[in-house]
Amino acid sequence: QMEQMILQFARAHGRISRKDVAELCRVDHPKAYRLLTKLVKEGKLVASGPKTGRNAFYVPTKAR
């Protein structure tokens, strides 16, 4: 499942970007953004760094 791949990548690398998601899941950038937004809303990722643009990235939340 795409969401699990995203979370595993984020945990392994400490962060993930929309570009990373697009390449990892082989989806376009809007779909990658929707996946990231869903994981943020579920509390599994947190937006960090610049909130928009090419340098925006997401980090995994602390494991509970």
N, C-alpha and C. Protein backbone atom coordinates (compact mmCIF):
# COMPACT_ATOMS: atom_id res chain seq x y z
N GLN A 1 0.84 -1.18 0.00
CA GLN A 1 0.00 0.00 0.00
C GLN A 1 0.89 1.25 0.00
N MET A 2 0.44 2.26 -0.73
CA MET A 2 1.24 3.48 -0.89
C MET A 2 1.52 4.19 0.42
N GLU A 3 0.52 4.28 1.27
CA GLU A 3 0.70 5.00 2.54
C GLU A 3 1.77 4.34 3.39
N GLN A 4 1.80 3.02 3.43
CA GLN A 4 2.81 2.31 4.20
C GLN A 4 4.21 2.54 3.62
N MET A 5 4.32 2.56 2.29
CA MET A 5 5.61 2.82 1.65
C MET A 5 6.10 4.22 2.00
N ILE A 6 5.19 5.18 2.01
CA ILE A 6 5.54 6.56 2.33
C ILE A 6 6.05 6.65 3.77
N LEU A 7 5.33 6.02 4.69
CA LEU A 7 5.73 6.07 6.10
C LEU A 7 7.06 5.36 6.33
N GLN A 8 7.27 4.24 5.68
CA GLN A 8 8.54 3.52 5.83
C GLN A 8 9.70 4.37 5.30
N PHE A 9 9.51 5.02 4.17
CA PHE A 9 10.54 5.87 3.60
C PHE A 9 10.84 7.03 4.55
N ALA A 10 9.78 7.66 5.06
CA ALA A 10 9.95 8.81 5.96
C ALA A 10 10.69 8.40 7.23
N ARG A 11 10.38 7.25 7.77
CA ARG A 11 11.06 6.78 8.98
C ARG A 11 12.53 6.45 8.69
N ALA A 12 12.78 5.82 7.54
CA ALA A 12 14.14 5.42 7.19
C ALA A 12 15.04 6.62 6.90
N HIS A 13 14.48 7.65 6.27
CA HIS A 13 15.28 8.80 5.86
C HIS A 13 15.08 10.03 6.75
N GLY A 14 14.14 9.94 7.68
CA GLY A 14 13.90 11.06 8.59
C GLY A 14 12.96 12.11 8.03
N ARG A 15 12.66 12.04 6.73
CA ARG A 15 11.75 13.00 6.10
C ARG A 15 11.40 12.52 4.71
N ILE A 16 10.37 13.14 4.13
CA ILE A 16 9.95 12.80 2.78
C ILE A 16 9.37 14.04 2.12
N SER A 17 9.58 14.17 0.83
CA SER A 17 9.04 15.31 0.08
C SER A 17 7.99 14.82 -0.90
N ARG A 18 7.28 15.76 -1.49
CA ARG A 18 6.27 15.40 -2.48
C ARG A 18 6.94 14.72 -3.68
N LYS A 19 8.11 15.20 -4.05
CA LYS A 19 8.85 14.58 -5.16
C LYS A 19 9.21 13.13 -4.82
N ASP A 20 9.65 12.89 -3.58
CA ASP A 20 9.97 11.53 -3.15
C ASP A 20 8.74 10.62 -3.28
N VAL A 21 7.59 11.13 -2.85
CA VAL A 21 6.36 10.34 -2.91
C VAL A 21 5.99 10.03 -4.35
N ALA A 22 6.09 11.04 -5.21
CA ALA A 22 5.75 10.85 -6.63
C ALA A 22 6.62 9.76 -7.25
N GLU A 23 7.92 9.79 -6.95
CA GLU A 23 8.83 8.78 -7.51
C GLU A 23 8.62 7.41 -6.88
N LEU A 24 8.47 7.38 -5.56
CA LEU A 24 8.30 6.12 -4.83
C LEU A 24 7.03 5.38 -5.25
N CYS A 25 5.93 6.12 -5.34
CA CYS A 25 4.63 5.52 -5.63
C CYS A 25 4.24 5.57 -7.10
N ARG A 26 5.10 6.21 -7.91
CA ARG A 26 4.83 6.36 -9.34
C ARG A 26 3.48 7.01 -9.60
N VAL A 27 3.29 8.17 -8.95
CA VAL A 27 2.07 8.96 -9.14
C VAL A 27 2.47 10.38 -9.53
N ASP A 28 1.51 11.17 -10.00
CA ASP A 28 1.81 12.56 -10.34
C ASP A 28 1.88 13.40 -9.06
N HIS A 29 2.36 14.62 -9.19
CA HIS A 29 2.57 15.46 -8.01
C HIS A 29 1.27 15.81 -7.26
N PRO A 30 0.16 16.09 -7.95
CA PRO A 30 -1.08 16.34 -7.20
C PRO A 30 -1.51 15.14 -6.35
N LYS A 31 -1.38 13.93 -6.89
CA LYS A 31 -1.74 12.72 -6.13
C LYS A 31 -0.79 12.55 -4.95
N ALA A 32 0.50 12.83 -5.17
CA ALA A 32 1.48 12.74 -4.09
C ALA A 32 1.10 13.71 -2.97
N TYR A 33 0.70 14.92 -3.33
CA TYR A 33 0.30 15.91 -2.34
C TYR A 33 -0.93 15.43 -1.56
N ARG A 34 -1.88 14.85 -2.25
CA ARG A 34 -3.09 14.35 -1.56
C ARG A 34 -2.75 13.24 -0.57
N LEU A 35 -1.84 12.36 -0.97
CA LEU A 35 -1.42 11.28 -0.06
C LEU A 35 -0.75 11.86 1.18
N LEU A 36 0.14 12.83 0.99
CA LEU A 36 0.83 13.45 2.13
C LEU A 36 -0.16 14.17 3.02
N THR A 37 -1.09 14.91 2.42
CA THR A 37 -2.08 15.64 3.19
C THR A 37 -2.93 14.69 4.03
N LYS A 38 -3.29 13.56 3.46
CA LYS A 38 -4.08 12.56 4.19
C LYS A 38 -3.31 12.05 5.41
N LEU A 39 -2.02 11.77 5.22
CA LEU A 39 -1.20 11.25 6.32
C LEU A 39 -1.00 12.33 7.40
N VAL A 40 -0.94 13.58 7.00
CA VAL A 40 -0.84 14.67 7.99
C VAL A 40 -2.14 14.75 8.79
N LYS A 41 -3.28 14.69 8.11
CA LYS A 41 -4.58 14.75 8.80
C LYS A 41 -4.77 13.58 9.75
N GLU A 42 -4.19 12.43 9.41
CA GLU A 42 -4.29 11.25 10.27
C GLU A 42 -3.28 11.30 11.42
N GLY A 43 -2.40 12.30 11.41
CA GLY A 43 -1.42 12.45 12.47
C GLY A 43 -0.19 11.56 12.32
N LYS A 44 0.03 11.02 11.14
CA LYS A 44 1.18 10.14 10.92
C LYS A 44 2.41 10.87 10.42
N LEU A 45 2.19 12.03 9.77
CA LEU A 45 3.28 12.89 9.31
C LEU A 45 3.01 14.31 9.78
N VAL A 46 4.08 15.10 9.84
CA VAL A 46 3.96 16.52 10.20
C VAL A 46 4.72 17.31 9.15
N ALA A 47 4.08 18.37 8.65
CA ALA A 47 4.76 19.25 7.71
C ALA A 47 5.88 19.97 8.45
N SER A 48 7.04 20.06 7.82
CA SER A 48 8.19 20.69 8.46
C SER A 48 8.94 21.49 7.42
N GLY A 49 9.79 22.41 7.87
CA GLY A 49 10.51 23.26 6.93
C GLY A 49 9.53 24.21 6.27
N PRO A 50 9.87 24.70 5.07
CA PRO A 50 8.93 25.57 4.36
C PRO A 50 7.64 24.80 4.10
N LYS A 51 6.52 25.42 4.31
CA LYS A 51 5.24 24.72 4.17
C LYS A 51 4.80 24.57 2.72
N THR A 52 5.38 25.35 1.82
CA THR A 52 5.02 25.25 0.41
C THR A 52 6.27 25.31 -0.44
N GLY A 53 6.12 24.98 -1.69
CA GLY A 53 7.23 25.09 -2.62
C GLY A 53 8.06 23.82 -2.70
N ARG A 54 9.15 23.93 -3.44
CA ARG A 54 9.97 22.76 -3.72
C ARG A 54 10.72 22.24 -2.50
N ASN A 55 10.92 23.08 -1.50
CA ASN A 55 11.69 22.67 -0.33
C ASN A 55 10.84 22.14 0.82
N ALA A 56 9.53 22.06 0.61
CA ALA A 56 8.65 21.56 1.66
C ALA A 56 8.91 20.07 1.87
N PHE A 57 8.85 19.65 3.13
CA PHE A 57 9.01 18.23 3.42
C PHE A 57 8.20 17.86 4.64
N TYR A 58 8.10 16.58 4.88
CA TYR A 58 7.26 16.04 5.95
C TYR A 58 8.11 15.06 6.77
N VAL A 59 7.88 15.06 8.06
CA VAL A 59 8.61 14.15 8.96
C VAL A 59 7.60 13.26 9.67
N PRO A 60 8.01 12.04 10.01
CA PRO A 60 7.10 11.15 10.72
C PRO A 60 6.87 11.64 12.15
N THR A 61 5.67 11.41 12.64
CA THR A 61 5.39 11.74 14.03
C THR A 61 6.05 10.70 14.92
N LYS A 62 6.18 11.01 16.17
CA LYS A 62 6.78 10.06 17.13
C LYS A 62 5.90 8.83 17.25
N ALA A 63 6.52 7.68 17.25
CA ALA A 63 5.78 6.42 17.41
C ALA A 63 5.17 6.37 18.79
N ARG A 64 3.96 5.87 18.87
CA ARG A 64 3.27 5.77 20.17
C ARG A 64 3.31 4.37 20.69
